[in-house]
């Protein structure tokens, strides 16, 4: 298994990040929370988008919902 691509939060805009998630299947985003660095795995299974954070897994049924999440969480600008 190859290493997942890693990007820093805010490094890409939400549309570019979505395109990368869809082409790669999953992308790790490095982010800071409570003064500690964490990685979030963003996935797409062809139907549903997933945000796998250190504390929870949530899903989005549409690209629009995922884009909003990426922007709200600061993963994509």
Protein backbone atom coordinates (compact mmCIF):
# COMPACT_ATOMS: atom_id res chain seq x y z
CA UNK A 1 0.00 0.00 0.00
CA UNK A 2 1.35 3.43 -0.91
CA UNK A 3 1.43 6.40 1.42
CA UNK A 4 -1.55 8.71 1.21
CA UNK A 5 -0.94 12.21 -0.08
CA UNK A 6 -0.72 14.77 2.74
CA UNK A 7 -1.61 18.45 2.40
CA UNK A 8 -1.63 21.19 5.01
CA UNK A 9 -5.03 22.63 5.95
CA UNK A 10 -5.75 25.70 3.85
CA UNK A 11 -3.04 24.83 1.30
CA UNK A 12 -5.63 24.14 -1.43
CA UNK A 13 -9.00 25.64 -2.18
CA UNK A 14 -12.02 23.42 -1.52
CA UNK A 15 -12.61 22.61 -5.20
CA UNK A 16 -9.00 21.54 -5.76
CA UNK A 17 -9.08 19.45 -2.59
CA UNK A 18 -12.34 17.80 -3.68
CA UNK A 19 -10.84 16.99 -7.08
CA UNK A 20 -7.83 15.42 -5.39
CA UNK A 21 -10.00 13.37 -3.02
CA UNK A 22 -12.02 12.09 -5.97
CA UNK A 23 -8.94 11.24 -8.06
CA UNK A 24 -6.89 9.69 -5.23
CA UNK A 25 -9.76 8.16 -3.23
CA UNK A 26 -8.38 9.56 0.02
CA UNK A 27 -6.22 12.45 1.16
CA UNK A 28 -4.74 13.24 4.56
CA UNK A 29 -4.92 16.84 5.76
CA UNK A 30 -2.52 18.04 8.44
CA UNK A 31 -4.21 20.50 10.79
CA UNK A 32 -3.69 22.03 14.21
CA UNK A 33 -6.22 21.65 17.00
CA UNK A 34 -5.73 22.63 20.65
CA UNK A 35 -2.05 23.42 20.02
CA UNK A 36 -1.35 19.95 18.63
CA UNK A 37 -0.90 18.73 15.08
CA UNK A 38 -3.40 16.16 13.82
CA UNK A 39 -4.11 14.44 10.53
CA UNK A 40 -7.62 14.08 9.16
CA UNK A 41 -8.34 11.54 6.43
CA UNK A 42 -10.79 12.68 3.79
CA UNK A 43 -12.23 9.86 1.67
CA UNK A 44 -14.63 9.22 -1.18
CA UNK A 45 -15.95 5.77 -2.02
CA UNK A 46 -17.60 6.81 -5.29
CA UNK A 47 -20.87 7.63 -3.56
CA UNK A 48 -20.21 9.09 -0.10
CA UNK A 49 -17.57 11.46 1.24
CA UNK A 50 -16.06 10.77 4.68
CA UNK A 51 -14.14 12.97 7.14
CA UNK A 52 -12.21 10.77 9.56
CA UNK A 53 -10.99 13.03 12.37
CA UNK A 54 -9.15 12.05 15.56
CA UNK A 55 -12.44 12.24 17.47
CA UNK A 56 -15.16 11.19 15.02
CA UNK A 57 -16.10 9.95 11.58
CA UNK A 58 -18.78 11.83 9.71
CA UNK A 59 -20.06 11.52 6.17
CA UNK A 60 -21.53 13.67 3.43
CA UNK A 61 -23.86 12.47 0.71
CA UNK A 62 -23.05 15.17 -1.82
CA UNK A 63 -20.09 17.08 -3.17
CA UNK A 64 -21.78 20.30 -2.06
CA UNK A 65 -22.00 19.08 1.56
CA UNK A 66 -18.36 18.03 1.48
CA UNK A 67 -17.27 21.38 0.03
CA UNK A 68 -19.10 23.18 2.85
CA UNK A 69 -17.40 20.95 5.43
CA UNK A 70 -13.96 21.55 3.91
CA UNK A 71 -14.51 25.30 4.05
CA UNK A 72 -16.07 25.33 7.54
CA UNK A 73 -13.28 23.20 9.03
CA UNK A 74 -10.56 25.19 7.26
CA UNK A 75 -9.24 22.15 5.35
CA UNK A 76 -9.81 23.94 2.04
CA UNK A 77 -10.22 27.65 1.45
